[in-house]
Every structure is written in C-alpha cells, then in structure tokens.
C-alpha cells in the first residue's frame, strides 16, 4: 500500500510543479497573434490559406504567437494548448498548431493524433530547421510562418521531403532523458549493498510502471522519464507518507488575444498526444 501511495504522491508532486497555465482565447480565428507579430493583411493572407485547406480536407491548422510561455517548455505548452482548444475534428484528431514564442525565441509544430502519420516528428523538425528558422533569425516572422504553413500543408499532402539529417536529429533528441534515467538506475545498483538491493528491484519496477502510465496519459517522453525518476526515488529511499498535501493539475484559463476578426472557426474537439517538433533561434 505504501508503494502505491508513492506512485500517487509522485504524480501529485509533479502536477503541483506544473501548476496552472493561461491560454490565449481562440476567438474564432485560425491566427491568434498574441505577440503582435503580423499586420492585419498578413493575418488575412494566412487565414485564407488555412481556411482553404480546411475546406478541402477538414484538417485544422492554427498559427499562434505567444507573448510568453509562462515558464513552461514549449512542447508541454503546445500539447496542453492543442487539447484545450480542441483543434481538429473529434473523429479524425486532424489538428496542427504552429506555435511561435518570440520572446523566448522558440517555435513548435504540434501535431494531432490523426496527422502524426502524414506529419511525423522528423518532417516537422525539418520544416522548422530548414524553412521556418532561417526567416525567424532574420526577424522575418511572417515569411517564416507563411513558408512554414505551406510546408506543413505540403507534408500532409505527401509532397514534402524531409532531409535525412533531420530524422537523425529528431531521434537523438529522445536519447538524453533515457540515458539519464538508465545511468541513475545502474548507479543505484552499483552502489547499493546486497541487503539494500532488495529495495532496488521493486522501486525500479514501480518507477518504470509509473513512467509507462505517464506516457500513455501525457505522451511526453521527458515528462514520463521524470515521473519514473520521482517514483523510483520515493519508493527506494522510503519514508513516511502523509495523507495531506496540495494537489493541482494542468489548469487553464483563457485570456485576451489580438487574433483578428475572422468569424466562423472553432476547434472541433481534436486531441493531441505530444507529436511534433520544436526549435529555437
């Protein structure tokens, strides 16, 4: 029972660290320009492109610029934003977010479940590195966003070819958190006395179970590895578990945004699982 409580406590501790997050309002527009990067004419151009694509395919693509990531990683922010807005249809989960955070100099393509096959992480990474970032580095935000949108649409149609190097780089991004967790586990095995190793195996098992469960719930690798690490530490080092504590979850509230005056658009209930890629300049 104590071990089960350790799993729950670990997840609650991480949830408390995540805290609440404030999202801009979708405001019936495919362009949510909270950071004020685009002119009205530029927003209209992007809106027309995205509207035409949705009419032809039902895929929903939204471009959002953020005044701040509020201290969150852009991947975590994007995943929660996509789910909060429900971009894409409920039946197909065919939504995509192009997220631009100019103050943190971060950009992300967040891909809904239904389009992960057409727009895998490697291609999203290639679009960011080869199409979007060169323009952003020159502070040509509209050019980067426009070319990025067109590349996303081409990828969904099967007309975009990603560089092989982009696929390799995208794969390597998953290696660090995995190696860190494995290093910690092997280090614990090596330094434990024989009488203490009995604690390592169940702690390791529960940590892995918690990590797998977190992956199925959140589909965020780094987050799942962290959950596994926290549960392992709590169960291995033991200690009394109090019944009190503060719990919280990824809350959200909507703020104002300068998204323009385009009507008739809203999310269709689509879901996201953390697919996509991020970049910085």
C-alpha atoms as a PDB file:
ATOM      1  CA  UNK A   1       0.000   0.000   0.000  1.00  0.00           C
ATOM      2  CA  UNK A   2       2.871   2.319   0.848  1.00  0.00           C
ATOM      3  CA  UNK A   3       4.411   1.701  -2.575  1.00  0.00           C
ATOM      4  CA  UNK A   4       1.131   2.506  -4.309  1.00  0.00           C
ATOM      5  CA  UNK A   5       0.910   5.740  -2.326  1.00  0.00           C
ATOM      6  CA  UNK A   6       4.412   6.584  -3.504  1.00  0.00           C
ATOM      7  CA  UNK A   7       3.275   6.420  -7.117  1.00  0.00           C
ATOM      8  CA  UNK A   8       0.298   8.649  -6.430  1.00  0.00           C
ATOM      9  CA  UNK A   9       2.377  11.103  -4.419  1.00  0.00           C
ATOM     10  CA  UNK A  10       4.979  11.292  -7.156  1.00  0.00           C
ATOM     11  CA  UNK A  11       2.381  12.172  -9.771  1.00  0.00           C
ATOM     12  CA  UNK A  12       0.745  14.717  -7.488  1.00  0.00           C
ATOM     13  CA  UNK A  13       4.090  16.360  -6.764  1.00  0.00           C
ATOM     14  CA  UNK A  14       4.800  16.764 -10.454  1.00  0.00           C
ATOM     15  CA  UNK A  15       1.271  18.043 -11.076  1.00  0.00           C
ATOM     16  CA  UNK A  16       1.804  20.640  -8.374  1.00  0.00           C
ATOM     17  CA  UNK A  17       5.029  21.723 -10.051  1.00  0.00           C
ATOM     18  CA  UNK A  18       3.232  22.151 -13.361  1.00  0.00           C
ATOM     19  CA  UNK A  19       0.586  24.387 -11.852  1.00  0.00           C
ATOM     20  CA  UNK A  20      -1.974  26.348 -13.819  1.00  0.00           C
ATOM     21  CA  UNK A  21      -1.442  27.774 -17.255  1.00  0.00           C
ATOM     22  CA  UNK A  22      -3.238  30.614 -19.008  1.00  0.00           C
ATOM     23  CA  UNK A  23      -4.026  30.213 -22.689  1.00  0.00           C
ATOM     24  CA  UNK A  24      -4.975  32.962 -25.137  1.00  0.00           C
ATOM     25  CA  UNK A  25      -8.517  32.915 -26.474  1.00  0.00           C
ATOM     26  CA  UNK A  26      -9.078  31.137 -29.796  1.00  0.00           C
ATOM     27  CA  UNK A  27     -11.525  33.910 -30.723  1.00  0.00           C
ATOM     28  CA  UNK A  28     -12.933  32.141 -33.806  1.00  0.00           C
ATOM     29  CA  UNK A  29      -9.723  32.654 -35.781  1.00  0.00           C
ATOM     30  CA  UNK A  30      -7.014  30.441 -37.213  1.00  0.00           C
ATOM     31  CA  UNK A  31      -4.429  33.144 -36.498  1.00  0.00           C
ATOM     32  CA  UNK A  32      -4.035  34.010 -32.815  1.00  0.00           C
ATOM     33  CA  UNK A  33      -1.431  36.766 -32.737  1.00  0.00           C
ATOM     34  CA  UNK A  34      -0.986  37.423 -29.033  1.00  0.00           C
ATOM     35  CA  UNK A  35       2.593  38.638 -29.584  1.00  0.00           C
ATOM     36  CA  UNK A  36       1.513  41.103 -32.295  1.00  0.00           C
ATOM     37  CA  UNK A  37       3.900  39.870 -34.987  1.00  0.00           C
ATOM     38  CA  UNK A  38       1.603  40.218 -38.003  1.00  0.00           C
ATOM     39  CA  UNK A  39      -0.282  43.021 -39.710  1.00  0.00           C
ATOM     40  CA  UNK A  40      -3.981  42.641 -40.470  1.00  0.00           C
ATOM     41  CA  UNK A  41      -3.168  41.994 -44.132  1.00  0.00           C
ATOM     42  CA  UNK A  42      -0.676  39.292 -43.195  1.00  0.00           C
ATOM     43  CA  UNK A  43      -3.157  37.625 -40.860  1.00  0.00           C
ATOM     44  CA  UNK A  44      -5.769  37.700 -43.612  1.00  0.00           C
ATOM     45  CA  UNK A  45      -3.343  36.020 -46.024  1.00  0.00           C
ATOM     46  CA  UNK A  46      -2.548  33.232 -43.569  1.00  0.00           C
ATOM     47  CA  UNK A  47      -6.201  32.859 -42.630  1.00  0.00           C
ATOM     48  CA  UNK A  48      -7.239  32.435 -46.263  1.00  0.00           C
ATOM     49  CA  UNK A  49      -4.603  29.752 -46.828  1.00  0.00           C
ATOM     50  CA  UNK A  50      -5.635  27.793 -43.750  1.00  0.00           C
ATOM     51  CA  UNK A  51      -9.348  28.208 -44.406  1.00  0.00           C
ATOM     52  CA  UNK A  52      -8.976  26.876 -47.950  1.00  0.00           C
ATOM     53  CA  UNK A  53      -7.016  23.871 -46.694  1.00  0.00           C
ATOM     54  CA  UNK A  54      -9.641  23.102 -44.061  1.00  0.00           C
ATOM     55  CA  UNK A  55     -12.463  23.375 -46.590  1.00  0.00           C
ATOM     56  CA  UNK A  56     -10.710  20.875 -48.849  1.00  0.00           C
ATOM     57  CA  UNK A  57      -9.551  18.394 -46.184  1.00  0.00           C
ATOM     58  CA  UNK A  58     -11.244  19.162 -42.804  1.00  0.00           C
ATOM     59  CA  UNK A  59      -7.724  19.485 -41.336  1.00  0.00           C
ATOM     60  CA  UNK A  60      -7.476  22.410 -38.929  1.00  0.00           C
ATOM     61  CA  UNK A  61      -4.191  24.317 -38.754  1.00  0.00           C
ATOM     62  CA  UNK A  62      -3.812  27.231 -36.347  1.00  0.00           C
ATOM     63  CA  UNK A  63      -0.924  29.694 -36.102  1.00  0.00           C
ATOM     64  CA  UNK A  64      -0.466  31.148 -32.619  1.00  0.00           C
ATOM     65  CA  UNK A  65       2.105  33.662 -31.401  1.00  0.00           C
ATOM     66  CA  UNK A  66       2.602  33.921 -27.652  1.00  0.00           C
ATOM     67  CA  UNK A  67       3.653  36.869 -25.548  1.00  0.00           C
ATOM     68  CA  UNK A  68       5.119  34.401 -23.043  1.00  0.00           C
ATOM     69  CA  UNK A  69       5.466  30.681 -22.407  1.00  0.00           C
ATOM     70  CA  UNK A  70       4.904  31.460 -18.711  1.00  0.00           C
ATOM     71  CA  UNK A  71       7.990  29.492 -17.758  1.00  0.00           C
ATOM     72  CA  UNK A  72       6.878  26.275 -19.450  1.00  0.00           C
ATOM     73  CA  UNK A  73       8.656  24.212 -22.050  1.00  0.00           C
ATOM     74  CA  UNK A  74       7.135  24.931 -25.454  1.00  0.00           C
ATOM     75  CA  UNK A  75       6.421  21.227 -26.048  1.00  0.00           C
ATOM     76  CA  UNK A  76       4.413  20.940 -22.834  1.00  0.00           C
ATOM     77  CA  UNK A  77       2.672  24.248 -23.521  1.00  0.00           C
ATOM     78  CA  UNK A  78       1.787  23.237 -27.086  1.00  0.00           C
ATOM     79  CA  UNK A  79       0.439  19.843 -26.081  1.00  0.00           C
ATOM     80  CA  UNK A  80      -1.868  21.365 -23.484  1.00  0.00           C
ATOM     81  CA  UNK A  81      -2.897  24.232 -25.760  1.00  0.00           C
ATOM     82  CA  UNK A  82      -3.922  21.866 -28.541  1.00  0.00           C
ATOM     83  CA  UNK A  83      -6.050  19.826 -26.162  1.00  0.00           C
ATOM     84  CA  UNK A  84      -7.577  22.917 -24.542  1.00  0.00           C
ATOM     85  CA  UNK A  85      -8.575  24.401 -27.888  1.00  0.00           C
ATOM     86  CA  UNK A  86      -9.615  21.056 -29.382  1.00  0.00           C
ATOM     87  CA  UNK A  87      -8.018  21.793 -32.748  1.00  0.00           C
ATOM     88  CA  UNK A  88      -9.051  19.242 -35.377  1.00  0.00           C
ATOM     89  CA  UNK A  89     -12.220  17.208 -35.590  1.00  0.00           C
ATOM     90  CA  UNK A  90     -13.178  14.821 -32.815  1.00  0.00           C
ATOM     91  CA  UNK A  91     -13.465  11.948 -35.274  1.00  0.00           C
ATOM     92  CA  UNK A  92     -10.099  12.474 -37.017  1.00  0.00           C
ATOM     93  CA  UNK A  93      -7.977  14.402 -34.490  1.00  0.00           C
ATOM     94  CA  UNK A  94      -6.532  16.198 -37.504  1.00  0.00           C
ATOM     95  CA  UNK A  95      -5.258  19.416 -35.979  1.00  0.00           C
ATOM     96  CA  UNK A  96      -1.893  21.174 -36.182  1.00  0.00           C
ATOM     97  CA  UNK A  97      -0.553  24.133 -34.210  1.00  0.00           C
ATOM     98  CA  UNK A  98       2.306  26.329 -35.370  1.00  0.00           C
ATOM     99  CA  UNK A  99       3.401  27.985 -32.116  1.00  0.00           C
ATOM    100  CA  UNK A 100       5.748  30.970 -32.097  1.00  0.00           C
ATOM    101  CA  UNK A 101       7.163  32.405 -28.863  1.00  0.00           C
ATOM    102  CA  UNK A 102       9.367  35.335 -29.986  1.00  0.00           C
ATOM    103  CA  UNK A 103      10.418  36.453 -26.509  1.00  0.00           C
ATOM    104  CA  UNK A 104      11.809  33.005 -25.694  1.00  0.00           C
ATOM    105  CA  UNK A 105      12.890  32.561 -29.330  1.00  0.00           C
ATOM    106  CA  UNK A 106      11.106  29.224 -29.553  1.00  0.00           C
ATOM    107  CA  UNK A 107       8.911  27.660 -32.210  1.00  0.00           C
ATOM    108  CA  UNK A 108       6.980  24.394 -32.295  1.00  0.00           C
ATOM    109  CA  UNK A 109       4.817  22.381 -34.649  1.00  0.00           C
ATOM    110  CA  UNK A 110       2.293  20.463 -32.521  1.00  0.00           C
ATOM    111  CA  UNK A 111       0.609  17.615 -34.390  1.00  0.00           C
ATOM    112  CA  UNK A 112      -2.712  15.955 -33.560  1.00  0.00           C
ATOM    113  CA  UNK A 113      -3.013  12.179 -33.325  1.00  0.00           C
ATOM    114  CA  UNK A 114      -4.665  11.836 -36.713  1.00  0.00           C
ATOM    115  CA  UNK A 115      -1.901  13.604 -38.657  1.00  0.00           C
ATOM    116  CA  UNK A 116       1.146  12.079 -36.961  1.00  0.00           C
ATOM    117  CA  UNK A 117       1.498   9.636 -39.857  1.00  0.00           C
ATOM    118  CA  UNK A 118       1.445  12.360 -42.515  1.00  0.00           C
ATOM    119  CA  UNK A 119       3.447  14.845 -40.430  1.00  0.00           C
ATOM    120  CA  UNK A 120       5.873  12.782 -38.305  1.00  0.00           C
ATOM    121  CA  UNK A 121       8.374  14.315 -35.919  1.00  0.00           C
ATOM    122  CA  UNK A 122      11.256  14.110 -38.403  1.00  0.00           C
ATOM    123  CA  UNK A 123       9.389  16.095 -41.056  1.00  0.00           C
ATOM    124  CA  UNK A 124       8.159  18.641 -38.515  1.00  0.00           C
ATOM    125  CA  UNK A 125      11.760  19.042 -37.362  1.00  0.00           C
ATOM    126  CA  UNK A 126      12.942  19.525 -40.950  1.00  0.00           C
ATOM    127  CA  UNK A 127      10.300  22.170 -41.631  1.00  0.00           C
ATOM    128  CA  UNK A 128      11.352  24.109 -38.548  1.00  0.00           C
ATOM    129  CA  UNK A 129      15.081  23.903 -39.192  1.00  0.00           C
ATOM    130  CA  UNK A 130      15.118  24.411 -42.955  1.00  0.00           C
ATOM    131  CA  UNK A 131      12.041  26.532 -43.653  1.00  0.00           C
ATOM    132  CA  UNK A 132      10.984  28.499 -40.577  1.00  0.00           C
ATOM    133  CA  UNK A 133      14.122  29.276 -38.579  1.00  0.00           C
ATOM    134  CA  UNK A 134      16.156  30.925 -41.373  1.00  0.00           C
ATOM    135  CA  UNK A 135      13.424  33.561 -41.720  1.00  0.00           C
ATOM    136  CA  UNK A 136      12.960  33.957 -37.963  1.00  0.00           C
ATOM    137  CA  UNK A 137      16.681  34.520 -37.463  1.00  0.00           C
ATOM    138  CA  UNK A 138      16.338  37.466 -39.839  1.00  0.00           C
ATOM    139  CA  UNK A 139      13.229  38.618 -37.890  1.00  0.00           C
ATOM    140  CA  UNK A 140      11.007  37.920 -40.900  1.00  0.00           C
ATOM    141  CA  UNK A 141       8.245  36.341 -38.855  1.00  0.00           C
ATOM    142  CA  UNK A 142       5.526  36.473 -41.487  1.00  0.00           C
ATOM    143  CA  UNK A 143       7.799  34.921 -44.100  1.00  0.00           C
ATOM    144  CA  UNK A 144       8.759  32.116 -41.735  1.00  0.00           C
ATOM    145  CA  UNK A 145       5.173  31.481 -40.662  1.00  0.00           C
ATOM    146  CA  UNK A 146       3.844  31.597 -44.231  1.00  0.00           C
ATOM    147  CA  UNK A 147       6.505  29.250 -45.585  1.00  0.00           C
ATOM    148  CA  UNK A 148       6.050  27.019 -42.558  1.00  0.00           C
ATOM    149  CA  UNK A 149       2.304  26.771 -43.111  1.00  0.00           C
ATOM    150  CA  UNK A 150       2.787  25.928 -46.786  1.00  0.00           C
ATOM    151  CA  UNK A 151       5.373  23.285 -45.886  1.00  0.00           C
ATOM    152  CA  UNK A 152       3.012  21.754 -43.319  1.00  0.00           C
ATOM    153  CA  UNK A 153       0.248  21.582 -45.912  1.00  0.00           C
ATOM    154  CA  UNK A 154       2.655  20.036 -48.435  1.00  0.00           C
ATOM    155  CA  UNK A 155       3.728  17.440 -45.866  1.00  0.00           C
ATOM    156  CA  UNK A 156       0.128  16.487 -45.157  1.00  0.00           C
ATOM    157  CA  UNK A 157      -0.385  16.031 -48.898  1.00  0.00           C
ATOM    158  CA  UNK A 158       2.731  13.871 -49.084  1.00  0.00           C
ATOM    159  CA  UNK A 159       4.600  16.415 -51.192  1.00  0.00           C
ATOM    160  CA  UNK A 160       7.272  17.460 -48.667  1.00  0.00           C
ATOM    161  CA  UNK A 161      10.572  15.597 -48.428  1.00  0.00           C
ATOM    162  CA  UNK A 162      12.491  15.868 -45.167  1.00  0.00           C
ATOM    163  CA  UNK A 163      16.279  15.781 -45.001  1.00  0.00           C
ATOM    164  CA  UNK A 164      17.718  12.519 -43.676  1.00  0.00           C
ATOM    165  CA  UNK A 165      19.755  14.508 -41.179  1.00  0.00           C
ATOM    166  CA  UNK A 166      16.541  15.898 -39.682  1.00  0.00           C
ATOM    167  CA  UNK A 167      15.283  12.385 -38.939  1.00  0.00           C
ATOM    168  CA  UNK A 168      18.548  11.523 -37.193  1.00  0.00           C
ATOM    169  CA  UNK A 169      18.453  14.718 -35.141  1.00  0.00           C
ATOM    170  CA  UNK A 170      14.843  14.142 -34.113  1.00  0.00           C
ATOM    171  CA  UNK A 171      15.704  10.638 -32.918  1.00  0.00           C
ATOM    172  CA  UNK A 172      18.702  11.888 -30.952  1.00  0.00           C
ATOM    173  CA  UNK A 173      16.508  14.329 -29.015  1.00  0.00           C
ATOM    174  CA  UNK A 174      14.954  11.364 -27.188  1.00  0.00           C
ATOM    175  CA  UNK A 175      18.275   9.823 -26.167  1.00  0.00           C
ATOM    176  CA  UNK A 176      19.351  12.222 -23.386  1.00  0.00           C
ATOM    177  CA  UNK A 177      16.446  11.715 -20.932  1.00  0.00           C
ATOM    178  CA  UNK A 178      16.543   7.949 -21.454  1.00  0.00           C
ATOM    179  CA  UNK A 179      20.298   7.772 -20.857  1.00  0.00           C
ATOM    180  CA  UNK A 180      19.953   9.944 -17.747  1.00  0.00           C
ATOM    181  CA  UNK A 181      17.360   7.645 -16.218  1.00  0.00           C
ATOM    182  CA  UNK A 182      19.324   4.494 -17.100  1.00  0.00           C
ATOM    183  CA  UNK A 183      22.508   5.997 -15.641  1.00  0.00           C
ATOM    184  CA  UNK A 184      20.747   6.733 -12.362  1.00  0.00           C
ATOM    185  CA  UNK A 185      19.326   3.217 -12.156  1.00  0.00           C
ATOM    186  CA  UNK A 186      22.638   1.482 -12.867  1.00  0.00           C
ATOM    187  CA  UNK A 187      24.383   3.791 -10.431  1.00  0.00           C
ATOM    188  CA  UNK A 188      21.898   2.791  -7.731  1.00  0.00           C
ATOM    189  CA  UNK A 189      22.536  -0.879  -8.457  1.00  0.00           C
ATOM    190  CA  UNK A 190      26.304  -0.440  -8.339  1.00  0.00           C
ATOM    191  CA  UNK A 191      26.463   1.456  -5.067  1.00  0.00           C
ATOM    192  CA  UNK A 192      23.801  -0.468  -3.172  1.00  0.00           C
ATOM    193  CA  UNK A 193      24.838  -3.044  -0.584  1.00  0.00           C
ATOM    194  CA  UNK A 194      23.442  -6.522  -1.070  1.00  0.00           C
ATOM    195  CA  UNK A 195      20.975  -6.054   1.755  1.00  0.00           C
ATOM    196  CA  UNK A 196      19.683  -2.885   0.131  1.00  0.00           C
ATOM    197  CA  UNK A 197      19.374  -4.294  -3.375  1.00  0.00           C
ATOM    198  CA  UNK A 198      16.092  -5.872  -2.379  1.00  0.00           C
ATOM    199  CA  UNK A 199      14.696  -2.335  -2.404  1.00  0.00           C
ATOM    200  CA  UNK A 200      16.088  -1.519  -5.826  1.00  0.00           C
ATOM    201  CA  UNK A 201      14.136  -4.058  -7.853  1.00  0.00           C
ATOM    202  CA  UNK A 202      10.618  -3.131  -6.642  1.00  0.00           C
ATOM    203  CA  UNK A 203      11.495   0.565  -6.747  1.00  0.00           C
ATOM    204  CA  UNK A 204      12.776   0.223 -10.295  1.00  0.00           C
ATOM    205  CA  UNK A 205       9.688  -1.740 -11.300  1.00  0.00           C
ATOM    206  CA  UNK A 206       7.294   0.835  -9.853  1.00  0.00           C
ATOM    207  CA  UNK A 207       9.263   3.663 -11.438  1.00  0.00           C
ATOM    208  CA  UNK A 208       9.026   2.027 -14.850  1.00  0.00           C
ATOM    209  CA  UNK A 209       5.304   1.347 -14.391  1.00  0.00           C
ATOM    210  CA  UNK A 210       4.704   4.978 -13.428  1.00  0.00           C
ATOM    211  CA  UNK A 211       6.732   6.158 -16.413  1.00  0.00           C
ATOM    212  CA  UNK A 212       4.787   3.966 -18.833  1.00  0.00           C
ATOM    213  CA  UNK A 213       1.454   5.093 -17.386  1.00  0.00           C
ATOM    214  CA  UNK A 214       2.545   8.726 -17.684  1.00  0.00           C
ATOM    215  CA  UNK A 215       3.489   8.160 -21.315  1.00  0.00           C
ATOM    216  CA  UNK A 216       0.045   6.743 -22.101  1.00  0.00           C
ATOM    217  CA  UNK A 217      -1.626   9.680 -20.331  1.00  0.00           C
ATOM    218  CA  UNK A 218       0.567  12.595 -21.412  1.00  0.00           C
ATOM    219  CA  UNK A 219       2.612  11.208 -24.357  1.00  0.00           C
ATOM    220  CA  UNK A 220       5.569  13.393 -23.323  1.00  0.00           C
ATOM    221  CA  UNK A 221       8.812  11.458 -23.089  1.00  0.00           C
ATOM    222  CA  UNK A 222      10.778  13.841 -20.874  1.00  0.00           C
ATOM    223  CA  UNK A 223       7.783  14.205 -18.536  1.00  0.00           C
ATOM    224  CA  UNK A 224       7.326  10.419 -18.332  1.00  0.00           C
ATOM    225  CA  UNK A 225      11.012   9.873 -17.555  1.00  0.00           C
ATOM    226  CA  UNK A 226      10.776  12.481 -14.813  1.00  0.00           C
ATOM    227  CA  UNK A 227       7.720  10.752 -13.322  1.00  0.00           C
ATOM    228  CA  UNK A 228       9.591   7.429 -13.361  1.00  0.00           C
ATOM    229  CA  UNK A 229      12.561   9.075 -11.661  1.00  0.00           C
ATOM    230  CA  UNK A 230      10.430  10.666  -8.916  1.00  0.00           C
ATOM    231  CA  UNK A 231       8.565   7.438  -8.158  1.00  0.00           C
ATOM    232  CA  UNK A 232      11.814   5.452  -8.074  1.00  0.00           C
ATOM    233  CA  UNK A 233      13.393   7.884  -5.600  1.00  0.00           C
ATOM    234  CA  UNK A 234      10.321   7.950  -3.350  1.00  0.00           C
ATOM    235  CA  UNK A 235       9.998   4.174  -3.207  1.00  0.00           C
ATOM    236  CA  UNK A 236      13.731   3.467  -2.925  1.00  0.00           C
ATOM    237  CA  UNK A 237      14.519   5.875  -0.126  1.00  0.00           C
ATOM    238  CA  UNK A 238      11.196   5.203   1.623  1.00  0.00           C
ATOM    239  CA  UNK A 239       9.997   7.493   4.358  1.00  0.00           C
ATOM    240  CA  UNK A 240       6.600   8.094   5.824  1.00  0.00           C
ATOM    241  CA  UNK A 241       3.917   9.370   3.529  1.00  0.00           C
ATOM    242  CA  UNK A 242       1.493  11.859   4.944  1.00  0.00           C
ATOM    243  CA  UNK A 243      -2.105  11.913   3.967  1.00  0.00           C
ATOM    244  CA  UNK A 244      -2.197  15.643   3.448  1.00  0.00           C
ATOM    245  CA  UNK A 245      -0.716  17.736   0.691  1.00  0.00           C
ATOM    246  CA  UNK A 246      -1.534  20.064  -2.067  1.00  0.00           C
ATOM    247  CA  UNK A 247      -2.782  18.758  -5.359  1.00  0.00           C
ATOM    248  CA  UNK A 248      -3.231  20.556  -8.592  1.00  0.00           C
ATOM    249  CA  UNK A 249      -3.376  19.766 -12.260  1.00  0.00           C
ATOM    250  CA  UNK A 250      -2.807  21.420 -15.566  1.00  0.00           C
ATOM    251  CA  UNK A 251      -5.429  24.075 -15.192  1.00  0.00           C
ATOM    252  CA  UNK A 252      -6.189  26.587 -17.870  1.00  0.00           C
ATOM    253  CA  UNK A 253      -7.919  29.863 -18.333  1.00  0.00           C
ATOM    254  CA  UNK A 254      -8.364  31.986 -21.388  1.00  0.00           C
ATOM    255  CA  UNK A 255      -7.017  35.470 -21.721  1.00  0.00           C
ATOM    256  CA  UNK A 256      -7.395  38.105 -24.354  1.00  0.00           C
ATOM    257  CA  UNK A 257      -5.599  37.907 -27.676  1.00  0.00           C
ATOM    258  CA  UNK A 258      -5.151  40.008 -30.781  1.00  0.00           C
ATOM    259  CA  UNK A 259      -6.268  37.386 -33.233  1.00  0.00           C
ATOM    260  CA  UNK A 260      -8.148  39.438 -35.765  1.00  0.00           C
ATOM    261  CA  UNK A 261     -11.782  39.484 -36.808  1.00  0.00           C
ATOM    262  CA  UNK A 262     -12.269  36.269 -38.733  1.00  0.00           C
ATOM    263  CA  UNK A 263     -15.523  34.516 -37.900  1.00  0.00           C
ATOM    264  CA  UNK A 264     -16.909  31.009 -38.090  1.00  0.00           C
ATOM    265  CA  UNK A 265     -13.938  28.990 -36.832  1.00  0.00           C
ATOM    266  CA  UNK A 266     -13.643  26.917 -33.683  1.00  0.00           C
ATOM    267  CA  UNK A 267     -11.890  23.761 -32.601  1.00  0.00           C
ATOM    268  CA  UNK A 268     -13.766  20.557 -33.351  1.00  0.00           C
ATOM    269  CA  UNK A 269     -12.732  18.543 -30.304  1.00  0.00           C
ATOM    270  CA  UNK A 270      -9.494  17.094 -31.668  1.00  0.00           C
ATOM    271  CA  UNK A 271      -6.898  15.538 -29.385  1.00  0.00           C
ATOM    272  CA  UNK A 272      -3.109  15.736 -29.188  1.00  0.00           C
ATOM    273  CA  UNK A 273      -0.535  13.301 -27.885  1.00  0.00           C
ATOM    274  CA  UNK A 274       2.690  15.291 -27.911  1.00  0.00           C
ATOM    275  CA  UNK A 275       3.727  14.611 -31.513  1.00  0.00           C
ATOM    276  CA  UNK A 276       5.682  17.266 -33.370  1.00  0.00           C
ATOM    277  CA  UNK A 277       8.991  19.091 -33.074  1.00  0.00           C
ATOM    278  CA  UNK A 278      10.487  22.231 -31.560  1.00  0.00           C
ATOM    279  CA  UNK A 279      13.281  24.620 -32.444  1.00  0.00           C
ATOM    280  CA  UNK A 280      14.935  27.843 -31.306  1.00  0.00           C
ATOM    281  CA  UNK A 281      16.830  30.705 -32.865  1.00  0.00           C
END
